[in-house]
C-alpha atoms as a PDB file:
ATOM      1  CA  MET A   1      27.475   6.109  72.312  1.00  0.00           C
ATOM      2  CA  SER A   2      27.956   2.418  73.607  1.00  0.00           C
ATOM      3  CA  GLN A   3      31.816   2.332  75.176  1.00  0.00           C
ATOM      4  CA  LYS A   4      32.127  -1.109  73.899  1.00  0.00           C
ATOM      5  CA  LEU A   5      32.367  -2.516  70.328  1.00  0.00           C
ATOM      6  CA  HIS A   6      30.946  -6.306  69.602  1.00  0.00           C
ATOM      7  CA  LEU A   7      33.319  -7.899  67.717  1.00  0.00           C
ATOM      8  CA  GLU A   8      32.739 -10.925  65.970  1.00  0.00           C
ATOM      9  CA  VAL A   9      35.570 -13.209  64.196  1.00  0.00           C
ATOM     10  CA  VAL A  10      34.830 -16.318  61.443  1.00  0.00           C
ATOM     11  CA  THR A  11      37.213 -18.307  59.517  1.00  0.00           C
ATOM     12  CA  PRO A  12      35.234 -21.196  56.937  1.00  0.00           C
ATOM     13  CA  GLU A  13      35.795 -23.463  59.973  1.00  0.00           C
ATOM     14  CA  ARG A  14      34.761 -21.891  62.931  1.00  0.00           C
ATOM     15  CA  ALA A  15      33.584 -18.525  65.188  1.00  0.00           C
ATOM     16  CA  VAL A  16      36.702 -17.590  66.622  1.00  0.00           C
ATOM     17  CA  LEU A  17      35.650 -14.717  68.696  1.00  0.00           C
ATOM     18  CA  SER A  18      32.371 -13.110  69.451  1.00  0.00           C
ATOM     19  CA  GLU A  19      32.540 -10.237  72.609  1.00  0.00           C
ATOM     20  CA  GLU A  20      32.554  -7.159  73.669  1.00  0.00           C
ATOM     21  CA  VAL A  21      35.675  -5.063  73.280  1.00  0.00           C
ATOM     22  CA  ASP A  22      37.132  -1.593  74.000  1.00  0.00           C
ATOM     23  CA  ASP A  23      38.574  -1.623  70.065  1.00  0.00           C
ATOM     24  CA  VAL A  24      40.467  -3.580  67.599  1.00  0.00           C
ATOM     25  CA  VAL A  25      43.240  -3.087  65.548  1.00  0.00           C
ATOM     26  CA  LEU A  26      42.922  -4.396  61.933  1.00  0.00           C
ATOM     27  CA  PRO A  27      45.297  -5.030  59.450  1.00  0.00           C
ATOM     28  CA  GLY A  28      43.892  -3.122  56.345  1.00  0.00           C
ATOM     29  CA  ILE A  29      45.929  -3.774  53.106  1.00  0.00           C
ATOM     30  CA  GLU A  30      47.274  -0.453  53.398  1.00  0.00           C
ATOM     31  CA  GLY A  31      48.242  -0.382  56.923  1.00  0.00           C
ATOM     32  CA  GLN A  32      46.749  -1.015  60.540  1.00  0.00           C
ATOM     33  CA  MET A  33      43.474   0.689  61.311  1.00  0.00           C
ATOM     34  CA  ASP A  34      42.371   1.159  65.096  1.00  0.00           C
ATOM     35  CA  ILE A  35      38.229   0.389  65.176  1.00  0.00           C
ATOM     36  CA  LEU A  36      36.946   2.205  68.264  1.00  0.00           C
ATOM     37  CA  PRO A  37      33.193   2.607  69.453  1.00  0.00           C
ATOM     38  CA  GLY A  38      31.429   4.862  67.462  1.00  0.00           C
ATOM     39  CA  HIS A  39      33.395   4.442  64.142  1.00  0.00           C
ATOM     40  CA  LEU A  40      31.720   5.548  60.655  1.00  0.00           C
ATOM     41  CA  PRO A  41      30.204   2.167  58.807  1.00  0.00           C
ATOM     42  CA  LEU A  42      33.068   0.887  56.664  1.00  0.00           C
ATOM     43  CA  LEU A  43      33.543  -2.447  54.935  1.00  0.00           C
ATOM     44  CA  THR A  44      36.987  -2.829  54.117  1.00  0.00           C
ATOM     45  CA  ILE A  45      39.477  -5.607  52.935  1.00  0.00           C
ATOM     46  CA  LEU A  46      41.941  -7.237  55.254  1.00  0.00           C
ATOM     47  CA  GLY A  47      45.330  -8.424  54.734  1.00  0.00           C
ATOM     48  CA  VAL A  48      47.870 -10.434  56.198  1.00  0.00           C
ATOM     49  CA  GLY A  49      48.822  -9.658  59.367  1.00  0.00           C
ATOM     50  CA  GLU A  50      47.896  -8.822  63.309  1.00  0.00           C
ATOM     51  CA  MET A  51      44.589  -8.041  64.705  1.00  0.00           C
ATOM     52  CA  ILE A  52      45.171  -6.720  68.874  1.00  0.00           C
ATOM     53  CA  VAL A  53      42.015  -6.440  70.488  1.00  0.00           C
ATOM     54  CA  ARG A  54      41.755  -4.215  73.752  1.00  0.00           C
ATOM     55  CA  GLN A  55      39.531  -5.385  76.597  1.00  0.00           C
ATOM     56  CA  ASN A  56      39.797  -4.298  79.800  1.00  0.00           C
ATOM     57  CA  GLY A  57      43.398  -2.732  79.954  1.00  0.00           C
ATOM     58  CA  LYS A  58      44.715  -6.029  78.132  1.00  0.00           C
ATOM     59  CA  GLU A  59      45.738  -7.155  75.027  1.00  0.00           C
ATOM     60  CA  ARG A  60      45.610  -9.741  72.881  1.00  0.00           C
ATOM     61  CA  HIS A  61      47.038 -10.639  69.169  1.00  0.00           C
ATOM     62  CA  PHE A  62      46.095 -12.598  66.881  1.00  0.00           C
ATOM     63  CA  LEU A  63      46.932 -13.393  63.117  1.00  0.00           C
ATOM     64  CA  LEU A  64      45.240 -13.020  60.378  1.00  0.00           C
ATOM     65  CA  ASP A  65      45.196 -14.320  56.749  1.00  0.00           C
ATOM     66  CA  GLN A  66      43.371 -11.786  54.546  1.00  0.00           C
ATOM     67  CA  GLY A  67      39.517 -11.252  54.496  1.00  0.00           C
ATOM     68  CA  TYR A  68      37.086  -8.861  55.044  1.00  0.00           C
ATOM     69  CA  ALA A  69      35.645  -5.996  58.129  1.00  0.00           C
ATOM     70  CA  GLU A  70      32.460  -5.359  58.144  1.00  0.00           C
ATOM     71  CA  ILE A  71      32.495  -2.334  60.337  1.00  0.00           C
ATOM     72  CA  LEU A  72      29.504  -0.928  61.437  1.00  0.00           C
ATOM     73  CA  THR A  73      28.924   2.208  64.714  1.00  0.00           C
ATOM     74  CA  ASN A  74      29.758  -0.526  67.473  1.00  0.00           C
ATOM     75  CA  ARG A  75      30.124  -3.487  65.605  1.00  0.00           C
ATOM     76  CA  VAL A  76      32.831  -5.255  63.763  1.00  0.00           C
ATOM     77  CA  ILE A  77      32.470  -8.461  61.845  1.00  0.00           C
ATOM     78  CA  VAL A  78      36.190 -10.041  60.564  1.00  0.00           C
ATOM     79  CA  LEU A  79      35.488 -12.602  58.106  1.00  0.00           C
ATOM     80  CA  THR A  80      38.999 -14.055  57.128  1.00  0.00           C
ATOM     81  CA  GLU A  81      40.905 -17.360  55.893  1.00  0.00           C
ATOM     82  CA  HIS A  82      42.357 -17.986  59.422  1.00  0.00           C
ATOM     83  CA  CYS A  83      43.034 -16.447  62.648  1.00  0.00           C
ATOM     84  CA  ASP A  84      45.441 -17.902  64.868  1.00  0.00           C
ATOM     85  CA  GLY A  85      46.458 -16.928  68.656  1.00  0.00           C
ATOM     86  CA  VAL A  86      50.258 -16.919  69.243  1.00  0.00           C
ATOM     87  CA  ASN A  87      49.672 -20.652  71.048  1.00  0.00           C
ATOM     88  CA  ASP A  88      48.049 -21.927  68.038  1.00  0.00           C
ATOM     89  CA  ILE A  89      51.245 -21.381  65.464  1.00  0.00           C
ATOM     90  CA  ASP A  90      53.666 -24.419  65.167  1.00  0.00           C
ATOM     91  CA  VAL A  91      56.809 -22.795  64.226  1.00  0.00           C
ATOM     92  CA  GLU A  92      58.384 -25.747  63.189  1.00  0.00           C
ATOM     93  CA  GLN A  93      55.675 -26.044  60.329  1.00  0.00           C
ATOM     94  CA  ALA A  94      55.734 -22.884  59.803  1.00  0.00           C
ATOM     95  CA  ARG A  95      59.558 -23.023  59.204  1.00  0.00           C
ATOM     96  CA  GLU A  96      58.985 -25.851  56.495  1.00  0.00           C
ATOM     97  CA  GLY A  97      56.200 -23.850  54.933  1.00  0.00           C
ATOM     98  CA  LEU A  98      58.579 -21.205  54.266  1.00  0.00           C
ATOM     99  CA  LYS A  99      61.502 -23.282  53.021  1.00  0.00           C
ATOM    100  CA  ARG A 100      58.889 -25.272  50.688  1.00  0.00           C
ATOM    101  CA  PHE A 101      57.312 -21.659  49.241  1.00  0.00           C
ATOM    102  CA  GLU A 102      60.636 -20.201  48.848  1.00  0.00           C
ATOM    103  CA  SER A 103      61.937 -23.343  46.892  1.00  0.00           C
ATOM    104  CA  GLU A 104      58.558 -23.434  44.830  1.00  0.00           C
ATOM    105  CA  LEU A 105      58.737 -20.184  44.076  1.00  0.00           C
ATOM    106  CA  SER A 106      62.141 -20.065  42.698  1.00  0.00           C
ATOM    107  CA  LYS A 107      61.304 -23.241  41.029  1.00  0.00           C
ATOM    108  CA  LEU A 108      58.080 -21.109  39.228  1.00  0.00           C
ATOM    109  CA  GLU A 109      60.772 -18.095  38.662  1.00  0.00           C
ATOM    110  CA  GLU A 110      63.356 -20.735  36.741  1.00  0.00           C
ATOM    111  CA  LEU A 111      60.499 -22.306  35.013  1.00  0.00           C
ATOM    112  CA  SER A 112      58.837 -18.769  33.737  1.00  0.00           C
ATOM    113  CA  LYS A 113      62.109 -17.958  31.700  1.00  0.00           C
ATOM    114  CA  THR A 114      61.274 -20.904  29.257  1.00  0.00           C
ATOM    115  CA  GLU A 115      57.797 -21.144  29.779  1.00  0.00           C
ATOM    116  CA  GLU A 116      54.617 -18.842  30.335  1.00  0.00           C
ATOM    117  CA  VAL A 117      53.565 -19.548  34.231  1.00  0.00           C
ATOM    118  CA  GLU A 118      50.205 -17.729  34.903  1.00  0.00           C
ATOM    119  CA  GLU A 119      50.790 -14.587  36.784  1.00  0.00           C
ATOM    120  CA  GLU A 120      47.865 -15.996  39.345  1.00  0.00           C
ATOM    121  CA  LEU A 121      50.055 -19.178  40.014  1.00  0.00           C
ATOM    122  CA  PHE A 122      52.843 -16.615  41.385  1.00  0.00           C
ATOM    123  CA  GLU A 123      50.694 -14.446  43.266  1.00  0.00           C
ATOM    124  CA  ARG A 124      48.960 -17.731  45.382  1.00  0.00           C
ATOM    125  CA  HIS A 125      52.992 -19.039  46.301  1.00  0.00           C
ATOM    126  CA  ARG A 126      53.972 -15.087  47.326  1.00  0.00           C
ATOM    127  CA  MET A 127      50.930 -15.354  49.839  1.00  0.00           C
ATOM    128  CA  ALA A 128      51.618 -18.280  51.102  1.00  0.00           C
ATOM    129  CA  LEU A 129      55.205 -17.233  51.592  1.00  0.00           C
ATOM    130  CA  GLU A 130      53.954 -14.344  53.207  1.00  0.00           C
ATOM    131  CA  ARG A 131      51.765 -16.259  55.365  1.00  0.00           C
ATOM    132  CA  GLU A 132      54.466 -18.139  56.934  1.00  0.00           C
ATOM    133  CA  ARG A 133      57.044 -15.229  57.330  1.00  0.00           C
ATOM    134  CA  MET A 134      54.031 -13.797  58.958  1.00  0.00           C
ATOM    135  CA  LYS A 135      54.210 -16.517  61.603  1.00  0.00           C
ATOM    136  CA  LEU A 136      57.220 -16.696  62.740  1.00  0.00           C
ATOM    137  CA  VAL A 137      58.004 -12.888  62.858  1.00  0.00           C
ATOM    138  CA  PHE A 138      54.196 -12.893  65.187  1.00  0.00           C
ATOM    139  CA  VAL A 139      55.620 -15.669  67.413  1.00  0.00           C
ATOM    140  CA  GLU A 140      59.250 -13.573  67.748  1.00  0.00           C
ATOM    141  CA  THR A 141      57.183 -10.677  68.521  1.00  0.00           C
ATOM    142  CA  GLU A 142      54.989 -12.150  71.101  1.00  0.00           C
ATOM    143  CA  LYS A 143      58.285 -13.697  72.924  1.00  0.00           C
ATOM    144  CA  LYS A 144      59.519 -10.333  72.871  1.00  0.00           C
ATOM    145  CA  ASN A 145      56.685  -9.210  74.305  1.00  0.00           C
END
């Protein structure tokens, strides 16, 4: 059994990572999952959350924005909408986005009292709001570490 995993992380814009790692923690939709070499094959949906990459005794943290992971015995392929390291996140932009999506969601809730509003529209706004919150939490957590 190999002692390393080959991790690939790809977004629609770019290949983010392609390297050998000791293990990777992924944000599954029902909680975090730690993937070690020799893992059984699995195809899973990812939620918005933190990906932790462990390599040679060091950890790197990334924020993933949903997606999928294909896990093979010694290989993990992550397909995600966005993957940001803590230094990639613009805190002011995240705060502005949080305020904007809170306001838009509030307007949608008011509108839904008098008109029919598609649930999909609510869900898109909720997910956007959650992404902005996660960015801010992620940056704050990383600053403390």
